């Protein structure tokens, strides 16, 4: 059971990365690796899916099967939406307090709460919860069920070790980036720009972070990122012309 839940977490983390990356790539018209981790996983989707799966089972035990009780279905969607919205709120709050900047901002959306969450995306989570419960998860359960137990354990251990490594490196990079942003005055300008460009993926994945240090001369993140991208474009253009 624990192994199966972990595999579900992994699968939905990957699906979440695909969804976020596709959305960001279409919006910015270029490939954007959208995620906190280095690899193709967005854990907030994995945690959300597990919360939805567990809560839906508890609701079925209380109110009965969805096919026999519409109340059970409505309660499941409501509770799932509430859990996912709370998770998004907590994650957004922690990230903002860590960097003194919002990683995403719904302030322009109607009925938002301090830019962390909003009604439109909460309703979207509700729709996704419904699709997960009724369409996606039953197929995932059948897929995982046919995998031999011994192989499932092996895969789960391998992925778990990978998650530990990726999480460690991602947190290490994030803390280094935080130190670079807040202690910019202690770094030579060239070293500061080098570090900003090193973490370009994070700034492109979460564009609002490019507003950091925007009022500080020669330390404006957006200008450094755009300048680095322009240099790369010039190099590529020169190669094709020679």
C-alpha atoms as a PDB file:
ATOM      1  CA  UNK A   1       0.000   0.000   0.000  1.00  0.00           C
ATOM      2  CA  UNK A   2       2.771   2.456   0.934  1.00  0.00           C
ATOM      3  CA  UNK A   3       4.750   1.511  -2.174  1.00  0.00           C
ATOM      4  CA  UNK A   4       1.668   2.000  -4.353  1.00  0.00           C
ATOM      5  CA  UNK A   5       0.996   5.424  -2.812  1.00  0.00           C
ATOM      6  CA  UNK A   6       4.588   6.460  -3.457  1.00  0.00           C
ATOM      7  CA  UNK A   7       4.329   5.356  -7.091  1.00  0.00           C
ATOM      8  CA  UNK A   8       1.082   7.335  -7.410  1.00  0.00           C
ATOM      9  CA  UNK A   9       2.896  10.337  -5.930  1.00  0.00           C
ATOM     10  CA  UNK A  10       5.686   9.954  -8.504  1.00  0.00           C
ATOM     11  CA  UNK A  11       3.328   9.556 -11.453  1.00  0.00           C
ATOM     12  CA  UNK A  12       1.198  12.561 -10.535  1.00  0.00           C
ATOM     13  CA  UNK A  13       4.284  14.666  -9.794  1.00  0.00           C
ATOM     14  CA  UNK A  14       5.408  13.903 -13.342  1.00  0.00           C
ATOM     15  CA  UNK A  15       1.943  14.643 -14.778  1.00  0.00           C
ATOM     16  CA  UNK A  16       1.961  17.931 -12.868  1.00  0.00           C
ATOM     17  CA  UNK A  17       5.351  18.833 -14.324  1.00  0.00           C
ATOM     18  CA  UNK A  18       4.037  18.076 -17.822  1.00  0.00           C
ATOM     19  CA  UNK A  19       0.966  20.246 -17.229  1.00  0.00           C
ATOM     20  CA  UNK A  20       2.916  23.176 -15.750  1.00  0.00           C
ATOM     21  CA  UNK A  21       5.684  22.975 -18.349  1.00  0.00           C
ATOM     22  CA  UNK A  22       3.240  22.816 -21.258  1.00  0.00           C
ATOM     23  CA  UNK A  23       1.286  25.803 -19.904  1.00  0.00           C
ATOM     24  CA  UNK A  24       4.415  27.918 -19.284  1.00  0.00           C
ATOM     25  CA  UNK A  25       6.007  26.930 -22.607  1.00  0.00           C
ATOM     26  CA  UNK A  26       2.920  27.868 -24.618  1.00  0.00           C
ATOM     27  CA  UNK A  27       2.524  31.126 -22.687  1.00  0.00           C
ATOM     28  CA  UNK A  28       6.165  32.175 -23.146  1.00  0.00           C
ATOM     29  CA  UNK A  29       6.509  30.597 -26.605  1.00  0.00           C
ATOM     30  CA  UNK A  30       9.615  28.626 -25.686  1.00  0.00           C
ATOM     31  CA  UNK A  31      10.434  25.544 -23.614  1.00  0.00           C
ATOM     32  CA  UNK A  32      10.253  26.307 -19.895  1.00  0.00           C
ATOM     33  CA  UNK A  33      11.245  23.679 -17.333  1.00  0.00           C
ATOM     34  CA  UNK A  34       8.567  24.647 -14.847  1.00  0.00           C
ATOM     35  CA  UNK A  35       9.323  23.203 -11.449  1.00  0.00           C
ATOM     36  CA  UNK A  36      11.204  23.648  -8.218  1.00  0.00           C
ATOM     37  CA  UNK A  37      13.126  20.392  -8.646  1.00  0.00           C
ATOM     38  CA  UNK A  38      15.792  19.940 -11.308  1.00  0.00           C
ATOM     39  CA  UNK A  39      14.127  16.830 -12.730  1.00  0.00           C
ATOM     40  CA  UNK A  40      10.716  16.479 -14.425  1.00  0.00           C
ATOM     41  CA  UNK A  41       8.631  16.358 -11.254  1.00  0.00           C
ATOM     42  CA  UNK A  42       6.404  18.888  -9.479  1.00  0.00           C
ATOM     43  CA  UNK A  43       5.818  17.401  -6.007  1.00  0.00           C
ATOM     44  CA  UNK A  44       2.952  19.734  -5.091  1.00  0.00           C
ATOM     45  CA  UNK A  45       0.847  17.847  -7.665  1.00  0.00           C
ATOM     46  CA  UNK A  46       1.952  14.518  -6.209  1.00  0.00           C
ATOM     47  CA  UNK A  47       1.039  15.590  -2.674  1.00  0.00           C
ATOM     48  CA  UNK A  48      -2.262  17.025  -3.919  1.00  0.00           C
ATOM     49  CA  UNK A  49      -3.134  13.783  -5.691  1.00  0.00           C
ATOM     50  CA  UNK A  50      -2.375  11.719  -2.583  1.00  0.00           C
ATOM     51  CA  UNK A  51      -4.555  14.038  -0.471  1.00  0.00           C
ATOM     52  CA  UNK A  52      -7.366  13.653  -3.002  1.00  0.00           C
ATOM     53  CA  UNK A  53      -7.017   9.853  -3.129  1.00  0.00           C
ATOM     54  CA  UNK A  54      -6.995   9.438   0.659  1.00  0.00           C
ATOM     55  CA  UNK A  55      -9.799  11.936   1.308  1.00  0.00           C
ATOM     56  CA  UNK A  56     -12.008  10.396  -1.387  1.00  0.00           C
ATOM     57  CA  UNK A  57     -11.640   6.957   0.219  1.00  0.00           C
ATOM     58  CA  UNK A  58     -12.574   8.355   3.634  1.00  0.00           C
ATOM     59  CA  UNK A  59     -15.635  10.082   2.169  1.00  0.00           C
ATOM     60  CA  UNK A  60     -16.729   6.896   0.414  1.00  0.00           C
ATOM     61  CA  UNK A  61     -16.529   5.073   3.740  1.00  0.00           C
ATOM     62  CA  UNK A  62     -18.746   7.728   5.349  1.00  0.00           C
ATOM     63  CA  UNK A  63     -21.251   8.610   2.605  1.00  0.00           C
ATOM     64  CA  UNK A  64     -21.114   5.559   0.352  1.00  0.00           C
ATOM     65  CA  UNK A  65     -19.957   4.908  -3.214  1.00  0.00           C
ATOM     66  CA  UNK A  66     -20.184   7.730  -5.792  1.00  0.00           C
ATOM     67  CA  UNK A  67     -22.505   5.675  -8.012  1.00  0.00           C
ATOM     68  CA  UNK A  68     -25.029   5.456  -5.161  1.00  0.00           C
ATOM     69  CA  UNK A  69     -24.611   8.857  -3.546  1.00  0.00           C
ATOM     70  CA  UNK A  70     -24.284  12.247  -5.269  1.00  0.00           C
ATOM     71  CA  UNK A  71     -23.521  13.748  -1.846  1.00  0.00           C
ATOM     72  CA  UNK A  72     -20.433  11.549  -1.650  1.00  0.00           C
ATOM     73  CA  UNK A  73     -19.208  12.831  -5.012  1.00  0.00           C
ATOM     74  CA  UNK A  74     -19.854  16.494  -4.177  1.00  0.00           C
ATOM     75  CA  UNK A  75     -18.203  16.167  -0.777  1.00  0.00           C
ATOM     76  CA  UNK A  76     -15.187  14.489  -2.325  1.00  0.00           C
ATOM     77  CA  UNK A  77     -14.716  17.281  -4.876  1.00  0.00           C
ATOM     78  CA  UNK A  78     -15.251  19.972  -2.224  1.00  0.00           C
ATOM     79  CA  UNK A  79     -12.795  18.449   0.264  1.00  0.00           C
ATOM     80  CA  UNK A  80     -10.229  17.765  -2.459  1.00  0.00           C
ATOM     81  CA  UNK A  81     -10.463  21.353  -3.702  1.00  0.00           C
ATOM     82  CA  UNK A  82     -10.101  22.641  -0.146  1.00  0.00           C
ATOM     83  CA  UNK A  83      -7.006  20.508   0.553  1.00  0.00           C
ATOM     84  CA  UNK A  84      -5.267  21.439  -2.705  1.00  0.00           C
ATOM     85  CA  UNK A  85      -6.047  25.138  -2.240  1.00  0.00           C
ATOM     86  CA  UNK A  86      -4.671  25.058   1.324  1.00  0.00           C
ATOM     87  CA  UNK A  87      -1.534  23.310   0.078  1.00  0.00           C
ATOM     88  CA  UNK A  88      -1.043  25.988  -2.591  1.00  0.00           C
ATOM     89  CA  UNK A  89      -1.581  28.713   0.039  1.00  0.00           C
ATOM     90  CA  UNK A  90       0.954  27.221   2.468  1.00  0.00           C
ATOM     91  CA  UNK A  91       3.542  26.620  -0.274  1.00  0.00           C
ATOM     92  CA  UNK A  92       3.170  30.140  -1.673  1.00  0.00           C
ATOM     93  CA  UNK A  93       3.454  31.683   1.797  1.00  0.00           C
ATOM     94  CA  UNK A  94       6.609  29.727   2.703  1.00  0.00           C
ATOM     95  CA  UNK A  95       8.307  30.557  -0.607  1.00  0.00           C
ATOM     96  CA  UNK A  96       7.484  34.258  -0.307  1.00  0.00           C
ATOM     97  CA  UNK A  97       8.788  34.466   3.264  1.00  0.00           C
ATOM     98  CA  UNK A  98      11.973  32.693   2.158  1.00  0.00           C
ATOM     99  CA  UNK A  99      12.682  35.031  -0.772  1.00  0.00           C
ATOM    100  CA  UNK A 100      10.716  38.153   0.093  1.00  0.00           C
ATOM    101  CA  UNK A 101       9.005  37.731  -3.285  1.00  0.00           C
ATOM    102  CA  UNK A 102       6.011  35.802  -4.623  1.00  0.00           C
ATOM    103  CA  UNK A 103       6.827  32.855  -6.872  1.00  0.00           C
ATOM    104  CA  UNK A 104       3.327  33.225  -8.361  1.00  0.00           C
ATOM    105  CA  UNK A 105       0.782  35.965  -7.878  1.00  0.00           C
ATOM    106  CA  UNK A 106      -2.995  35.891  -8.372  1.00  0.00           C
ATOM    107  CA  UNK A 107      -3.447  39.489  -7.170  1.00  0.00           C
ATOM    108  CA  UNK A 108      -5.081  40.497 -10.453  1.00  0.00           C
ATOM    109  CA  UNK A 109      -7.542  37.610 -10.279  1.00  0.00           C
ATOM    110  CA  UNK A 110     -10.957  38.259  -8.709  1.00  0.00           C
ATOM    111  CA  UNK A 111     -11.617  36.782  -5.268  1.00  0.00           C
ATOM    112  CA  UNK A 112      -7.974  36.087  -4.486  1.00  0.00           C
ATOM    113  CA  UNK A 113      -6.366  35.849  -1.046  1.00  0.00           C
ATOM    114  CA  UNK A 114      -3.169  37.902  -0.872  1.00  0.00           C
ATOM    115  CA  UNK A 115      -2.195  36.661  -4.325  1.00  0.00           C
ATOM    116  CA  UNK A 116      -1.502  33.111  -3.097  1.00  0.00           C
ATOM    117  CA  UNK A 117      -4.812  31.549  -4.121  1.00  0.00           C
ATOM    118  CA  UNK A 118      -7.884  32.619  -6.092  1.00  0.00           C
ATOM    119  CA  UNK A 119     -11.351  31.317  -6.911  1.00  0.00           C
ATOM    120  CA  UNK A 120     -10.618  30.604 -10.585  1.00  0.00           C
ATOM    121  CA  UNK A 121      -7.709  28.285  -9.875  1.00  0.00           C
ATOM    122  CA  UNK A 122      -9.496  26.695  -6.906  1.00  0.00           C
ATOM    123  CA  UNK A 123     -12.344  25.805  -9.278  1.00  0.00           C
ATOM    124  CA  UNK A 124      -9.762  24.453 -11.706  1.00  0.00           C
ATOM    125  CA  UNK A 125      -8.377  22.231  -8.920  1.00  0.00           C
ATOM    126  CA  UNK A 126     -11.955  21.039  -8.345  1.00  0.00           C
ATOM    127  CA  UNK A 127     -12.323  20.065 -12.006  1.00  0.00           C
ATOM    128  CA  UNK A 128      -8.958  18.313 -11.973  1.00  0.00           C
ATOM    129  CA  UNK A 129      -9.966  16.502  -8.763  1.00  0.00           C
ATOM    130  CA  UNK A 130     -13.133  15.235 -10.459  1.00  0.00           C
ATOM    131  CA  UNK A 131     -11.149  14.034 -13.507  1.00  0.00           C
ATOM    132  CA  UNK A 132      -8.558  12.419 -11.258  1.00  0.00           C
ATOM    133  CA  UNK A 133     -11.106  10.511  -9.172  1.00  0.00           C
ATOM    134  CA  UNK A 134     -13.325   9.327 -12.042  1.00  0.00           C
ATOM    135  CA  UNK A 135     -11.072   8.986 -15.075  1.00  0.00           C
ATOM    136  CA  UNK A 136      -7.341   9.141 -14.413  1.00  0.00           C
ATOM    137  CA  UNK A 137      -6.777   7.357 -11.118  1.00  0.00           C
ATOM    138  CA  UNK A 138      -8.718   4.154 -11.902  1.00  0.00           C
ATOM    139  CA  UNK A 139      -6.446   3.691 -14.948  1.00  0.00           C
ATOM    140  CA  UNK A 140      -3.331   4.414 -12.891  1.00  0.00           C
ATOM    141  CA  UNK A 141      -4.443   1.883 -10.272  1.00  0.00           C
ATOM    142  CA  UNK A 142      -4.854  -0.786 -12.963  1.00  0.00           C
ATOM    143  CA  UNK A 143      -1.440   0.083 -14.398  1.00  0.00           C
ATOM    144  CA  UNK A 144       0.351  -0.126 -11.048  1.00  0.00           C
ATOM    145  CA  UNK A 145      -1.560  -3.279 -10.088  1.00  0.00           C
ATOM    146  CA  UNK A 146      -0.032  -5.376 -12.897  1.00  0.00           C
ATOM    147  CA  UNK A 147       3.551  -4.496 -11.939  1.00  0.00           C
ATOM    148  CA  UNK A 148       5.191  -7.354  -9.961  1.00  0.00           C
ATOM    149  CA  UNK A 149       5.579  -6.488  -6.275  1.00  0.00           C
ATOM    150  CA  UNK A 150       9.343  -7.066  -6.202  1.00  0.00           C
ATOM    151  CA  UNK A 151       9.858  -4.770  -9.201  1.00  0.00           C
ATOM    152  CA  UNK A 152       7.592  -2.118  -7.659  1.00  0.00           C
ATOM    153  CA  UNK A 153       9.716  -2.077  -4.524  1.00  0.00           C
ATOM    154  CA  UNK A 154      12.916  -1.799  -6.590  1.00  0.00           C
ATOM    155  CA  UNK A 155      11.525   1.093  -8.672  1.00  0.00           C
ATOM    156  CA  UNK A 156      10.159   2.834  -5.573  1.00  0.00           C
ATOM    157  CA  UNK A 157      13.543   2.643  -3.799  1.00  0.00           C
ATOM    158  CA  UNK A 158      15.387   3.915  -6.880  1.00  0.00           C
ATOM    159  CA  UNK A 159      12.984   6.838  -7.352  1.00  0.00           C
ATOM    160  CA  UNK A 160      13.042   7.615  -3.633  1.00  0.00           C
ATOM    161  CA  UNK A 161      16.839   7.869  -3.701  1.00  0.00           C
ATOM    162  CA  UNK A 162      16.593  10.078  -6.758  1.00  0.00           C
ATOM    163  CA  UNK A 163      14.091  12.366  -5.007  1.00  0.00           C
ATOM    164  CA  UNK A 164      16.433  12.703  -2.023  1.00  0.00           C
ATOM    165  CA  UNK A 165      19.321  13.716  -4.294  1.00  0.00           C
ATOM    166  CA  UNK A 166      17.220  16.088  -6.430  1.00  0.00           C
ATOM    167  CA  UNK A 167      15.573  17.686  -3.393  1.00  0.00           C
ATOM    168  CA  UNK A 168      18.949  18.166  -1.707  1.00  0.00           C
ATOM    169  CA  UNK A 169      20.479  19.785  -4.812  1.00  0.00           C
ATOM    170  CA  UNK A 170      17.390  21.920  -5.451  1.00  0.00           C
ATOM    171  CA  UNK A 171      17.299  23.209  -1.866  1.00  0.00           C
ATOM    172  CA  UNK A 172      21.061  23.810  -1.973  1.00  0.00           C
ATOM    173  CA  UNK A 173      20.681  25.809  -5.191  1.00  0.00           C
ATOM    174  CA  UNK A 174      17.713  27.728  -3.825  1.00  0.00           C
ATOM    175  CA  UNK A 175      19.563  28.673  -0.641  1.00  0.00           C
ATOM    176  CA  UNK A 176      22.572  29.756  -2.691  1.00  0.00           C
ATOM    177  CA  UNK A 177      20.304  31.847  -4.903  1.00  0.00           C
ATOM    178  CA  UNK A 178      18.665  33.384  -1.833  1.00  0.00           C
ATOM    179  CA  UNK A 179      22.080  34.295  -0.414  1.00  0.00           C
ATOM    180  CA  UNK A 180      23.107  35.782  -3.760  1.00  0.00           C
ATOM    181  CA  UNK A 181      19.995  37.970  -3.912  1.00  0.00           C
ATOM    182  CA  UNK A 182      20.093  39.191  -0.317  1.00  0.00           C
ATOM    183  CA  UNK A 183      23.882  39.529   0.036  1.00  0.00           C
ATOM    184  CA  UNK A 184      24.476  41.053  -3.394  1.00  0.00           C
ATOM    185  CA  UNK A 185      26.660  43.836  -1.958  1.00  0.00           C
ATOM    186  CA  UNK A 186      29.211  41.274  -0.762  1.00  0.00           C
ATOM    187  CA  UNK A 187      29.748  39.883  -4.269  1.00  0.00           C
ATOM    188  CA  UNK A 188      31.749  41.448  -7.123  1.00  0.00           C
ATOM    189  CA  UNK A 189      29.461  42.423  -9.990  1.00  0.00           C
ATOM    190  CA  UNK A 190      30.894  39.771 -12.337  1.00  0.00           C
ATOM    191  CA  UNK A 191      30.398  37.011  -9.742  1.00  0.00           C
ATOM    192  CA  UNK A 192      26.865  38.229  -9.001  1.00  0.00           C
ATOM    193  CA  UNK A 193      25.911  38.105 -12.706  1.00  0.00           C
ATOM    194  CA  UNK A 194      27.511  34.675 -13.041  1.00  0.00           C
ATOM    195  CA  UNK A 195      25.379  33.311 -10.201  1.00  0.00           C
ATOM    196  CA  UNK A 196      22.182  34.898 -11.522  1.00  0.00           C
ATOM    197  CA  UNK A 197      22.741  33.337 -14.944  1.00  0.00           C
ATOM    198  CA  UNK A 198      23.563  30.013 -13.272  1.00  0.00           C
ATOM    199  CA  UNK A 199      20.002  29.923 -11.916  1.00  0.00           C
ATOM    200  CA  UNK A 200      18.357  31.251 -15.069  1.00  0.00           C
ATOM    201  CA  UNK A 201      16.095  28.179 -15.204  1.00  0.00           C
ATOM    202  CA  UNK A 202      14.452  29.160 -11.916  1.00  0.00           C
ATOM    203  CA  UNK A 203      13.910  32.754 -13.043  1.00  0.00           C
ATOM    204  CA  UNK A 204      12.386  31.632 -16.343  1.00  0.00           C
ATOM    205  CA  UNK A 205      10.175  29.076 -14.578  1.00  0.00           C
ATOM    206  CA  UNK A 206       8.943  31.704 -12.088  1.00  0.00           C
ATOM    207  CA  UNK A 207       9.108  35.063 -13.927  1.00  0.00           C
ATOM    208  CA  UNK A 208       8.014  37.102 -10.906  1.00  0.00           C
ATOM    209  CA  UNK A 209      11.383  36.371  -9.297  1.00  0.00           C
ATOM    210  CA  UNK A 210      12.951  38.478 -12.035  1.00  0.00           C
ATOM    211  CA  UNK A 211      11.619  41.531 -10.177  1.00  0.00           C
ATOM    212  CA  UNK A 212      14.155  40.925  -7.406  1.00  0.00           C
ATOM    213  CA  UNK A 213      16.669  43.763  -6.880  1.00  0.00           C
ATOM    214  CA  UNK A 214      14.993  45.690  -9.712  1.00  0.00           C
ATOM    215  CA  UNK A 215      15.686  49.080  -8.119  1.00  0.00           C
ATOM    216  CA  UNK A 216      19.382  48.391  -7.465  1.00  0.00           C
ATOM    217  CA  UNK A 217      21.845  49.596 -10.087  1.00  0.00           C
ATOM    218  CA  UNK A 218      23.658  46.791 -11.955  1.00  0.00           C
ATOM    219  CA  UNK A 219      21.911  44.193  -9.776  1.00  0.00           C
ATOM    220  CA  UNK A 220      18.541  44.060 -11.555  1.00  0.00           C
ATOM    221  CA  UNK A 221      17.854  40.365 -12.135  1.00  0.00           C
ATOM    222  CA  UNK A 222      15.623  40.894 -15.182  1.00  0.00           C
ATOM    223  CA  UNK A 223      18.251  42.953 -17.006  1.00  0.00           C
ATOM    224  CA  UNK A 224      20.945  40.366 -16.298  1.00  0.00           C
ATOM    225  CA  UNK A 225      18.737  37.485 -17.488  1.00  0.00           C
ATOM    226  CA  UNK A 226      17.692  39.309 -20.663  1.00  0.00           C
ATOM    227  CA  UNK A 227      21.272  40.385 -21.325  1.00  0.00           C
ATOM    228  CA  UNK A 228      22.505  36.816 -20.996  1.00  0.00           C
ATOM    229  CA  UNK A 229      19.801  35.519 -23.349  1.00  0.00           C
ATOM    230  CA  UNK A 230      20.605  38.222 -25.915  1.00  0.00           C
ATOM    231  CA  UNK A 231      24.304  37.273 -25.821  1.00  0.00           C
ATOM    232  CA  UNK A 232      23.408  33.641 -26.494  1.00  0.00           C
ATOM    233  CA  UNK A 233      21.208  34.683 -29.436  1.00  0.00           C
ATOM    234  CA  UNK A 234      24.049  36.769 -30.903  1.00  0.00           C
ATOM    235  CA  UNK A 235      26.505  33.850 -30.573  1.00  0.00           C
ATOM    236  CA  UNK A 236      24.088  31.471 -32.299  1.00  0.00           C
ATOM    237  CA  UNK A 237      23.442  34.011 -35.069  1.00  0.00           C
ATOM    238  CA  UNK A 238      27.166  34.543 -35.637  1.00  0.00           C
ATOM    239  CA  UNK A 239      27.777  30.805 -35.874  1.00  0.00           C
ATOM    240  CA  UNK A 240      25.220  30.431 -38.640  1.00  0.00           C
ATOM    241  CA  UNK A 241      26.593  33.434 -40.514  1.00  0.00           C
ATOM    242  CA  UNK A 242      30.189  32.142 -40.528  1.00  0.00           C
END
